[in-house]
Amino acid sequence: MTATGDESDSRTGTVPGWNVTASRTGFIYTDAYDALTGTGGYTTPVTAYPGGVSPDGVWDLCGNCWEWTTSVITATHGGEMGQQINAIRVAATAQAG
């Protein structure tokens, strides 16, 4: 699901796959902020918390940014209803040259 140090073994997973892997840890991952981690609200390298490696060898299941998966998530209510809310948006600009 996330890089394990061996790039040949890393891939972007799916939401169901993440749920299976995360549930094997015995810890229920939530959106709650863990003030004890001392991350300061910034991104960190995947290997920053070796105590958080799952039994499957996956690092940083909780993350401190959006969880990237290959699954498409569509908003079911609100201003973005019906839109793919985890789709990558790309913008290009012309460069003078």
PDB file of N, CA and C in Angstrom:
ATOM      1  N   MET A   1       0.820  -1.185   0.000  1.00  0.00           N
ATOM      2  CA  MET A   1       0.000   0.000   0.000  1.00  0.00           C
ATOM      3  C   MET A   1       0.868   1.253   0.000  1.00  0.00           C
ATOM      4  N   THR A   2       1.858   1.309   0.849  1.00  0.00           N
ATOM      5  CA  THR A   2       2.814   2.407   0.811  1.00  0.00           C
ATOM      6  C   THR A   2       4.193   1.810   0.673  1.00  0.00           C
ATOM      7  N   ALA A   3       5.154   2.627   0.376  1.00  0.00           N
ATOM      8  CA  ALA A   3       6.508   2.124   0.144  1.00  0.00           C
ATOM      9  C   ALA A   3       7.023   1.382   1.364  1.00  0.00           C
ATOM     10  N   THR A   4       7.628   0.250   1.136  1.00  0.00           N
ATOM     11  CA  THR A   4       8.165  -0.561   2.225  1.00  0.00           C
ATOM     12  C   THR A   4       9.682  -0.554   2.221  1.00  0.00           C
ATOM     13  N   GLY A   5      10.280   0.264   1.392  1.00  0.00           N
ATOM     14  CA  GLY A   5      11.731   0.278   1.280  1.00  0.00           C
ATOM     15  C   GLY A   5      12.189  -0.450   0.037  1.00  0.00           C
ATOM     16  N   ASP A   6      11.414  -1.429  -0.409  1.00  0.00           N
ATOM     17  CA  ASP A   6      11.722  -2.167  -1.629  1.00  0.00           C
ATOM     18  C   ASP A   6      10.764  -1.665  -2.701  1.00  0.00           C
ATOM     19  N   GLU A   7      11.238  -0.758  -3.554  1.00  0.00           N
ATOM     20  CA  GLU A   7      10.362  -0.127  -4.537  1.00  0.00           C
ATOM     21  C   GLU A   7       9.692  -1.133  -5.473  1.00  0.00           C
ATOM     22  N   SER A   8      10.323  -2.285  -5.709  1.00  0.00           N
ATOM     23  CA  SER A   8       9.717  -3.277  -6.594  1.00  0.00           C
ATOM     24  C   SER A   8       8.485  -3.908  -5.960  1.00  0.00           C
ATOM     25  N   ASP A   9       8.340  -3.749  -4.625  1.00  0.00           N
ATOM     26  CA  ASP A   9       7.235  -4.361  -3.911  1.00  0.00           C
ATOM     27  C   ASP A   9       6.162  -3.334  -3.541  1.00  0.00           C
ATOM     28  N   SER A  10       6.332  -2.077  -3.944  1.00  0.00           N
ATOM     29  CA  SER A  10       5.361  -1.062  -3.560  1.00  0.00           C
ATOM     30  C   SER A  10       4.358  -0.847  -4.689  1.00  0.00           C
ATOM     31  N   ARG A  11       3.138  -0.497  -4.302  1.00  0.00           N
ATOM     32  CA  ARG A  11       2.094  -0.222  -5.276  1.00  0.00           C
ATOM     33  C   ARG A  11       1.046   0.637  -4.592  1.00  0.00           C
ATOM     34  N   THR A  12       0.195   1.219  -5.395  1.00  0.00           N
ATOM     35  CA  THR A  12      -0.923   1.965  -4.842  1.00  0.00           C
ATOM     36  C   THR A  12      -2.070   0.989  -4.675  1.00  0.00           C
ATOM     37  N   GLY A  13      -2.589   0.900  -3.470  1.00  0.00           N
ATOM     38  CA  GLY A  13      -3.627  -0.074  -3.165  1.00  0.00           C
ATOM     39  C   GLY A  13      -5.029   0.454  -3.413  1.00  0.00           C
ATOM     40  N   THR A  14      -5.994  -0.323  -2.970  1.00  0.00           N
ATOM     41  CA  THR A  14      -7.406   0.034  -3.082  1.00  0.00           C
ATOM     42  C   THR A  14      -7.946   0.305  -1.691  1.00  0.00           C
ATOM     43  N   VAL A  15      -9.097   0.945  -1.596  1.00  0.00           N
ATOM     44  CA  VAL A  15      -9.709   1.190  -0.293  1.00  0.00           C
ATOM     45  C   VAL A  15     -10.013  -0.129   0.426  1.00  0.00           C
ATOM     46  N   PRO A  16     -10.630  -1.134  -0.236  1.00  0.00           N
ATOM     47  CA  PRO A  16     -10.863  -2.404   0.470  1.00  0.00           C
ATOM     48  C   PRO A  16      -9.561  -3.053   0.959  1.00  0.00           C
ATOM     49  N   GLY A  17      -8.506  -2.975   0.154  1.00  0.00           N
ATOM     50  CA  GLY A  17      -7.221  -3.532   0.572  1.00  0.00           C
ATOM     51  C   GLY A  17      -6.655  -2.815   1.776  1.00  0.00           C
ATOM     52  N   TRP A  18      -6.787  -1.489   1.808  1.00  0.00           N
ATOM     53  CA  TRP A  18      -6.331  -0.701   2.953  1.00  0.00           C
ATOM     54  C   TRP A  18      -7.099  -1.123   4.194  1.00  0.00           C
ATOM     55  N   ASN A  19      -8.429  -1.287   4.067  1.00  0.00           N
ATOM     56  CA  ASN A  19      -9.249  -1.680   5.213  1.00  0.00           C
ATOM     57  C   ASN A  19      -8.827  -3.032   5.770  1.00  0.00           C
ATOM     58  N   VAL A  20      -8.529  -3.993   4.899  1.00  0.00           N
ATOM     59  CA  VAL A  20      -8.085  -5.319   5.350  1.00  0.00           C
ATOM     60  C   VAL A  20      -6.760  -5.203   6.090  1.00  0.00           C
ATOM     61  N   THR A  21      -5.804  -4.506   5.493  1.00  0.00           N
ATOM     62  CA  THR A  21      -4.484  -4.374   6.101  1.00  0.00           C
ATOM     63  C   THR A  21      -4.557  -3.612   7.411  1.00  0.00           C
ATOM     64  N   ALA A  22      -5.306  -2.526   7.450  1.00  0.00           N
ATOM     65  CA  ALA A  22      -5.401  -1.714   8.662  1.00  0.00           C
ATOM     66  C   ALA A  22      -6.107  -2.460   9.785  1.00  0.00           C
ATOM     67  N   SER A  23      -7.056  -3.328   9.468  1.00  0.00           N
ATOM     68  CA  SER A  23      -7.796  -4.032  10.514  1.00  0.00           C
ATOM     69  C   SER A  23      -6.977  -5.144  11.156  1.00  0.00           C
ATOM     70  N   ARG A  24      -5.893  -5.555  10.533  1.00  0.00           N
ATOM     71  CA  ARG A  24      -5.059  -6.620  11.103  1.00  0.00           C
ATOM     72  C   ARG A  24      -4.166  -6.130  12.239  1.00  0.00           C
ATOM     73  N   THR A  25      -4.092  -4.833  12.446  1.00  0.00           N
ATOM     74  CA  THR A  25      -3.171  -4.293  13.445  1.00  0.00           C
ATOM     75  C   THR A  25      -3.726  -4.340  14.852  1.00  0.00           C
ATOM     76  N   GLY A  26      -5.037  -4.496  14.997  1.00  0.00           N
ATOM     77  CA  GLY A  26      -5.644  -4.449  16.315  1.00  0.00           C
ATOM     78  C   GLY A  26      -5.950  -3.021  16.745  1.00  0.00           C
ATOM     79  N   PHE A  27      -5.564  -2.050  15.935  1.00  0.00           N
ATOM     80  CA  PHE A  27      -5.841  -0.642  16.220  1.00  0.00           C
ATOM     81  C   PHE A  27      -6.850  -0.150  15.203  1.00  0.00           C
ATOM     82  N   ILE A  28      -7.850   0.568  15.647  1.00  0.00           N
ATOM     83  CA  ILE A  28      -8.850   1.107  14.732  1.00  0.00           C
ATOM     84  C   ILE A  28      -8.380   2.485  14.296  1.00  0.00           C
ATOM     85  N   TYR A  29      -8.066   2.620  13.009  1.00  0.00           N
ATOM     86  CA  TYR A  29      -7.598   3.900  12.481  1.00  0.00           C
ATOM     87  C   TYR A  29      -8.782   4.831  12.294  1.00  0.00           C
ATOM     88  N   THR A  30      -8.641   6.041  12.793  1.00  0.00           N
ATOM     89  CA  THR A  30      -9.707   7.039  12.681  1.00  0.00           C
ATOM     90  C   THR A  30      -9.122   8.347  12.175  1.00  0.00           C
ATOM     91  N   ASP A  31      -9.961   9.348  12.059  1.00  0.00           N
ATOM     92  CA  ASP A  31      -9.502  10.678  11.679  1.00  0.00           C
ATOM     93  C   ASP A  31      -9.061  11.491  12.891  1.00  0.00           C
ATOM     94  N   ALA A  32      -9.086  10.888  14.073  1.00  0.00           N
ATOM     95  CA  ALA A  32      -8.717  11.615  15.287  1.00  0.00           C
ATOM     96  C   ALA A  32      -7.238  11.969  15.273  1.00  0.00           C
ATOM     97  N   TYR A  33      -6.927  13.173  15.698  1.00  0.00           N
ATOM     98  CA  TYR A  33      -5.543  13.630  15.763  1.00  0.00           C
ATOM     99  C   TYR A  33      -4.893  13.058  17.011  1.00  0.00           C
ATOM    100  N   ASP A  34      -3.729  12.479  16.865  1.00  0.00           N
ATOM    101  CA  ASP A  34      -2.983  11.929  17.993  1.00  0.00           C
ATOM    102  C   ASP A  34      -1.921  12.941  18.405  1.00  0.00           C
ATOM    103  N   ALA A  35      -2.207  13.708  19.447  1.00  0.00           N
ATOM    104  CA  ALA A  35      -1.293  14.768  19.886  1.00  0.00           C
ATOM    105  C   ALA A  35       0.027  14.213  20.403  1.00  0.00           C
ATOM    106  N   LEU A  36       0.085  12.930  20.723  1.00  0.00           N
ATOM    107  CA  LEU A  36       1.298  12.352  21.289  1.00  0.00           C
ATOM    108  C   LEU A  36       2.353  12.030  20.245  1.00  0.00           C
ATOM    109  N   THR A  37       2.006  12.056  18.968  1.00  0.00           N
ATOM    110  CA  THR A  37       2.983  11.687  17.946  1.00  0.00           C
ATOM    111  C   THR A  37       4.007  12.773  17.695  1.00  0.00           C
ATOM    112  N   GLY A  38       3.682  14.021  18.006  1.00  0.00           N
ATOM    113  CA  GLY A  38       4.639  15.101  17.824  1.00  0.00           C
ATOM    114  C   GLY A  38       4.941  15.420  16.375  1.00  0.00           C
ATOM    115  N   THR A  39       3.999  15.171  15.477  1.00  0.00           N
ATOM    116  CA  THR A  39       4.256  15.448  14.066  1.00  0.00           C
ATOM    117  C   THR A  39       4.180  16.929  13.755  1.00  0.00           C
ATOM    118  N   GLY A  40       3.542  17.698  14.617  1.00  0.00           N
ATOM    119  CA  GLY A  40       3.429  19.121  14.378  1.00  0.00           C
ATOM    120  C   GLY A  40       2.512  19.473  13.232  1.00  0.00           C
ATOM    121  N   GLY A  41       1.755  18.516  12.725  1.00  0.00           N
ATOM    122  CA  GLY A  41       0.826  18.789  11.644  1.00  0.00           C
ATOM    123  C   GLY A  41       1.460  18.825  10.268  1.00  0.00           C
ATOM    124  N   TYR A  42       2.684  18.366  10.155  1.00  0.00           N
ATOM    125  CA  TYR A  42       3.381  18.381   8.870  1.00  0.00           C
ATOM    126  C   TYR A  42       3.549  16.963   8.345  1.00  0.00           C
ATOM    127  N   THR A  43       3.808  16.841   7.060  1.00  0.00           N
ATOM    128  CA  THR A  43       4.067  15.523   6.494  1.00  0.00           C
ATOM    129  C   THR A  43       5.412  15.014   6.992  1.00  0.00           C
ATOM    130  N   THR A  44       5.551  13.711   7.024  1.00  0.00           N
ATOM    131  CA  THR A  44       6.784  13.073   7.483  1.00  0.00           C
ATOM    132  C   THR A  44       7.143  11.953   6.516  1.00  0.00           C
ATOM    133  N   PRO A  45       8.412  11.528   6.509  1.00  0.00           N
ATOM    134  CA  PRO A  45       8.776  10.381   5.672  1.00  0.00           C
ATOM    135  C   PRO A  45       7.994   9.141   6.100  1.00  0.00           C
ATOM    136  N   VAL A  46       7.735   8.251   5.172  1.00  0.00           N
ATOM    137  CA  VAL A  46       6.985   7.031   5.462  1.00  0.00           C
ATOM    138  C   VAL A  46       7.631   6.252   6.601  1.00  0.00           C
ATOM    139  N   THR A  47       8.946   6.242   6.667  1.00  0.00           N
ATOM    140  CA  THR A  47       9.662   5.441   7.669  1.00  0.00           C
ATOM    141  C   THR A  47       9.875   6.171   8.991  1.00  0.00           C
ATOM    142  N   ALA A  48       9.216   7.304   9.220  1.00  0.00           N
ATOM    143  CA  ALA A  48       9.432   8.101  10.433  1.00  0.00           C
ATOM    144  C   ALA A  48       8.946   7.402  11.701  1.00  0.00           C
ATOM    145  N   TYR A  49       8.004   6.488  11.603  1.00  0.00           N
ATOM    146  CA  TYR A  49       7.435   5.836  12.783  1.00  0.00           C
ATOM    147  C   TYR A  49       7.540   4.322  12.662  1.00  0.00           C
ATOM    148  N   PRO A  50       8.724   3.758  12.946  1.00  0.00           N
ATOM    149  CA  PRO A  50       8.907   2.310  12.793  1.00  0.00           C
ATOM    150  C   PRO A  50       7.990   1.485  13.689  1.00  0.00           C
ATOM    151  N   GLY A  51       7.500   2.065  14.772  1.00  0.00           N
ATOM    152  CA  GLY A  51       6.576   1.344  15.642  1.00  0.00           C
ATOM    153  C   GLY A  51       5.198   1.192  15.032  1.00  0.00           C
ATOM    154  N   GLY A  52       4.953   1.867  13.925  1.00  0.00           N
ATOM    155  CA  GLY A  52       3.650   1.819  13.294  1.00  0.00           C
ATOM    156  C   GLY A  52       3.562   0.890  12.102  1.00  0.00           C
ATOM    157  N   VAL A  53       4.589   0.067  11.883  1.00  0.00           N
ATOM    158  CA  VAL A  53       4.570  -0.868  10.753  1.00  0.00           C
ATOM    159  C   VAL A  53       3.539  -1.962  11.031  1.00  0.00           C
ATOM    160  N   SER A  54       2.699  -2.260  10.044  1.00  0.00           N
ATOM    161  CA  SER A  54       1.660  -3.270  10.231  1.00  0.00           C
ATOM    162  C   SER A  54       2.262  -4.671  10.218  1.00  0.00           C
ATOM    163  N   PRO A  55       1.511  -5.681  10.672  1.00  0.00           N
ATOM    164  CA  PRO A  55       1.989  -7.062  10.597  1.00  0.00           C
ATOM    165  C   PRO A  55       2.302  -7.496   9.163  1.00  0.00           C
ATOM    166  N   ASP A  56       1.706  -6.809   8.170  1.00  0.00           N
ATOM    167  CA  ASP A  56       1.974  -7.114   6.763  1.00  0.00           C
ATOM    168  C   ASP A  56       3.191  -6.373   6.232  1.00  0.00           C
ATOM    169  N   GLY A  57       3.839  -5.566   7.086  1.00  0.00           N
ATOM    170  CA  GLY A  57       5.015  -4.822   6.660  1.00  0.00           C
ATOM    171  C   GLY A  57       4.703  -3.502   5.982  1.00  0.00           C
ATOM    172  N   VAL A  58       3.481  -3.014   6.140  1.00  0.00           N
ATOM    173  CA  VAL A  58       3.092  -1.744   5.523  1.00  0.00           C
ATOM    174  C   VAL A  58       3.346  -0.610   6.511  1.00  0.00           C
ATOM    175  N   TRP A  59       4.023   0.423   6.027  1.00  0.00           N
ATOM    176  CA  TRP A  59       4.363   1.581   6.856  1.00  0.00           C
ATOM    177  C   TRP A  59       3.281   2.648   6.767  1.00  0.00           C
ATOM    178  N   ASP A  60       3.096   3.375   7.855  1.00  0.00           N
ATOM    179  CA  ASP A  60       2.328   4.623   7.880  1.00  0.00           C
ATOM    180  C   ASP A  60       0.910   4.473   7.342  1.00  0.00           C
ATOM    181  N   LEU A  61       0.166   3.513   7.881  1.00  0.00           N
ATOM    182  CA  LEU A  61      -1.223   3.331   7.454  1.00  0.00           C
ATOM    183  C   LEU A  61      -2.090   4.528   7.803  1.00  0.00           C
ATOM    184  N   CYS A  62      -1.778   5.163   8.899  1.00  0.00           N
ATOM    185  CA  CYS A  62      -2.583   6.304   9.320  1.00  0.00           C
ATOM    186  C   CYS A  62      -2.289   7.511   8.451  1.00  0.00           C
ATOM    187  N   GLY A  63      -1.035   7.770   8.226  1.00  0.00           N
ATOM    188  CA  GLY A  63      -0.667   8.909   7.397  1.00  0.00           C
ATOM    189  C   GLY A  63      -1.064  10.230   8.025  1.00  0.00           C
ATOM    190  N   ASN A  64      -0.545  11.288   7.472  1.00  0.00           N
ATOM    191  CA  ASN A  64      -0.974  12.609   7.906  1.00  0.00           C
ATOM    192  C   ASN A  64      -1.280  13.469   6.691  1.00  0.00           C
ATOM    193  N   CYS A  65      -1.624  12.818   5.604  1.00  0.00           N
ATOM    194  CA  CYS A  65      -2.118  13.482   4.396  1.00  0.00           C
ATOM    195  C   CYS A  65      -3.183  12.566   3.802  1.00  0.00           C
ATOM    196  N   TRP A  66      -3.750  12.984   2.690  1.00  0.00           N
ATOM    197  CA  TRP A  66      -4.778  12.187   2.028  1.00  0.00           C
ATOM    198  C   TRP A  66      -4.247  10.796   1.728  1.00  0.00           C
ATOM    199  N   GLU A  67      -5.054   9.786   1.999  1.00  0.00           N
ATOM    200  CA  GLU A  67      -4.655   8.413   1.685  1.00  0.00           C
ATOM    201  C   GLU A  67      -4.890   8.166   0.197  1.00  0.00           C
ATOM    202  N   TRP A  68      -3.842   7.897  -0.555  1.00  0.00           N
ATOM    203  CA  TRP A  68      -3.944   7.673  -1.998  1.00  0.00           C
ATOM    204  C   TRP A  68      -4.244   6.212  -2.266  1.00  0.00           C
ATOM    205  N   THR A  69      -5.291   5.971  -3.012  1.00  0.00           N
ATOM    206  CA  THR A  69      -5.623   4.618  -3.444  1.00  0.00           C
ATOM    207  C   THR A  69      -6.056   4.681  -4.905  1.00  0.00           C
ATOM    208  N   THR A  70      -6.174   3.516  -5.513  1.00  0.00           N
ATOM    209  CA  THR A  70      -6.656   3.461  -6.891  1.00  0.00           C
ATOM    210  C   THR A  70      -8.177   3.431  -6.958  1.00  0.00           C
ATOM    211  N   SER A  71      -8.840   3.339  -5.799  1.00  0.00           N
ATOM    212  CA  SER A  71     -10.301   3.326  -5.776  1.00  0.00           C
ATOM    213  C   SER A  71     -10.841   4.729  -6.049  1.00  0.00           C
ATOM    214  N   VAL A  72     -11.946   4.798  -6.777  1.00  0.00           N
ATOM    215  CA  VAL A  72     -12.601   6.076  -7.043  1.00  0.00           C
ATOM    216  C   VAL A  72     -13.652   6.299  -5.964  1.00  0.00           C
ATOM    217  N   ILE A  73     -13.612   7.450  -5.321  1.00  0.00           N
ATOM    218  CA  ILE A  73     -14.581   7.792  -4.288  1.00  0.00           C
ATOM    219  C   ILE A  73     -15.445   8.927  -4.823  1.00  0.00           C
ATOM    220  N   THR A  74     -16.752   8.714  -4.819  1.00  0.00           N
ATOM    221  CA  THR A  74     -17.686   9.710  -5.336  1.00  0.00           C
ATOM    222  C   THR A  74     -18.458  10.321  -4.176  1.00  0.00           C
ATOM    223  N   ALA A  75     -18.540  11.654  -4.150  1.00  0.00           N
ATOM    224  CA  ALA A  75     -19.279  12.354  -3.095  1.00  0.00           C
ATOM    225  C   ALA A  75     -20.753  11.975  -3.174  1.00  0.00           C
ATOM    226  N   THR A  76     -21.360  11.697  -2.020  1.00  0.00           N
ATOM    227  CA  THR A  76     -22.767  11.289  -1.989  1.00  0.00           C
ATOM    228  C   THR A  76     -23.692  12.409  -1.542  1.00  0.00           C
ATOM    229  N   HIS A  77     -23.139  13.495  -1.032  1.00  0.00           N
ATOM    230  CA  HIS A  77     -23.962  14.644  -0.650  1.00  0.00           C
ATOM    231  C   HIS A  77     -23.081  15.890  -0.594  1.00  0.00           C
ATOM    232  N   GLY A  78     -23.707  17.032  -0.472  1.00  0.00           N
ATOM    233  CA  GLY A  78     -22.953  18.283  -0.410  1.00  0.00           C
ATOM    234  C   GLY A  78     -22.708  18.873  -1.787  1.00  0.00           C
ATOM    235  N   GLY A  79     -21.894  19.909  -1.823  1.00  0.00           N
ATOM    236  CA  GLY A  79     -21.645  20.649  -3.048  1.00  0.00           C
ATOM    237  C   GLY A  79     -20.953  19.859  -4.139  1.00  0.00           C
ATOM    238  N   GLU A  80     -20.257  18.775  -3.763  1.00  0.00           N
ATOM    239  CA  GLU A  80     -19.548  17.966  -4.760  1.00  0.00           C
ATOM    240  C   GLU A  80     -20.293  16.674  -5.094  1.00  0.00           C
ATOM    241  N   MET A  81     -21.582  16.591  -4.740  1.00  0.00           N
ATOM    242  CA  MET A  81     -22.342  15.359  -4.938  1.00  0.00           C
ATOM    243  C   MET A  81     -22.234  14.871  -6.381  1.00  0.00           C
ATOM    244  N   GLY A  82     -21.917  13.593  -6.525  1.00  0.00           N
ATOM    245  CA  GLY A  82     -21.810  12.965  -7.827  1.00  0.00           C
ATOM    246  C   GLY A  82     -20.454  13.122  -8.485  1.00  0.00           C
ATOM    247  N   GLN A  83     -19.571  13.904  -7.889  1.00  0.00           N
ATOM    248  CA  GLN A  83     -18.253  14.110  -8.467  1.00  0.00           C
ATOM    249  C   GLN A  83     -17.228  13.199  -7.795  1.00  0.00           C
ATOM    250  N   GLN A  84     -16.210  12.831  -8.553  1.00  0.00           N
ATOM    251  CA  GLN A  84     -15.123  12.024  -7.997  1.00  0.00           C
ATOM    252  C   GLN A  84     -14.262  12.949  -7.146  1.00  0.00           C
ATOM    253  N   ILE A  85     -14.297  12.744  -5.830  1.00  0.00           N
ATOM    254  CA  ILE A  85     -13.632  13.687  -4.938  1.00  0.00           C
ATOM    255  C   ILE A  85     -12.173  13.355  -4.675  1.00  0.00           C
ATOM    256  N   ASN A  86     -11.724  12.169  -5.056  1.00  0.00           N
ATOM    257  CA  ASN A  86     -10.307  11.869  -4.859  1.00  0.00           C
ATOM    258  C   ASN A  86      -9.565  11.791  -6.184  1.00  0.00           C
ATOM    259  N   ALA A  87     -10.157  12.342  -7.232  1.00  0.00           N
ATOM    260  CA  ALA A  87      -9.502  12.337  -8.538  1.00  0.00           C
ATOM    261  C   ALA A  87      -8.378  13.365  -8.551  1.00  0.00           C
ATOM    262  N   ILE A  88      -7.311  13.041  -9.233  1.00  0.00           N
ATOM    263  CA  ILE A  88      -6.194  13.970  -9.344  1.00  0.00           C
ATOM    264  C   ILE A  88      -6.558  15.035 -10.370  1.00  0.00           C
ATOM    265  N   ARG A  89      -6.389  16.280  -9.972  1.00  0.00           N
ATOM    266  CA  ARG A  89      -6.641  17.385 -10.894  1.00  0.00           C
ATOM    267  C   ARG A  89      -5.299  17.932 -11.345  1.00  0.00           C
ATOM    268  N   VAL A  90      -5.128  18.058 -12.641  1.00  0.00           N
ATOM    269  CA  VAL A  90      -3.851  18.514 -13.194  1.00  0.00           C
ATOM    270  C   VAL A  90      -4.085  19.794 -13.980  1.00  0.00           C
ATOM    271  N   ALA A  91      -3.220  20.754 -13.766  1.00  0.00           N
ATOM    272  CA  ALA A  91      -3.283  22.002 -14.532  1.00  0.00           C
ATOM    273  C   ALA A  91      -1.937  22.202 -15.202  1.00  0.00           C
ATOM    274  N   ALA A  92      -1.961  22.655 -16.430  1.00  0.00           N
ATOM    275  CA  ALA A  92      -0.716  22.904 -17.162  1.00  0.00           C
ATOM    276  C   ALA A  92      -0.658  24.371 -17.538  1.00  0.00           C
ATOM    277  N   THR A  93       0.529  24.918 -17.529  1.00  0.00           N
ATOM    278  CA  THR A  93       0.714  26.299 -17.962  1.00  0.00           C
ATOM    279  C   THR A  93       1.766  26.324 -19.052  1.00  0.00           C
ATOM    280  N   ALA A  94       1.586  27.243 -19.975  1.00  0.00           N
ATOM    281  CA  ALA A  94       2.572  27.394 -21.050  1.00  0.00           C
ATOM    282  C   ALA A  94       3.773  28.154 -20.511  1.00  0.00           C
ATOM    283  N   GLN A  95       4.948  27.720 -20.885  1.00  0.00           N
ATOM    284  CA  GLN A  95       6.161  28.406 -20.461  1.00  0.00           C
ATOM    285  C   GLN A  95       6.735  29.172 -21.637  1.00  0.00           C
ATOM    286  N   ALA A  96       7.100  30.409 -21.362  1.00  0.00           N
ATOM    287  CA  ALA A  96       7.731  31.215 -22.412  1.00  0.00           C
ATOM    288  C   ALA A  96       9.113  30.655 -22.689  1.00  0.00           C
ATOM    289  N   GLY A  97       9.475  30.603 -23.911  1.00  0.00           N
ATOM    290  CA  GLY A  97      10.783  30.045 -24.144  1.00  0.00           C
ATOM    291  C   GLY A  97      11.233  30.238 -25.472  1.00  0.00           C
TER     292      GLY A  97
END
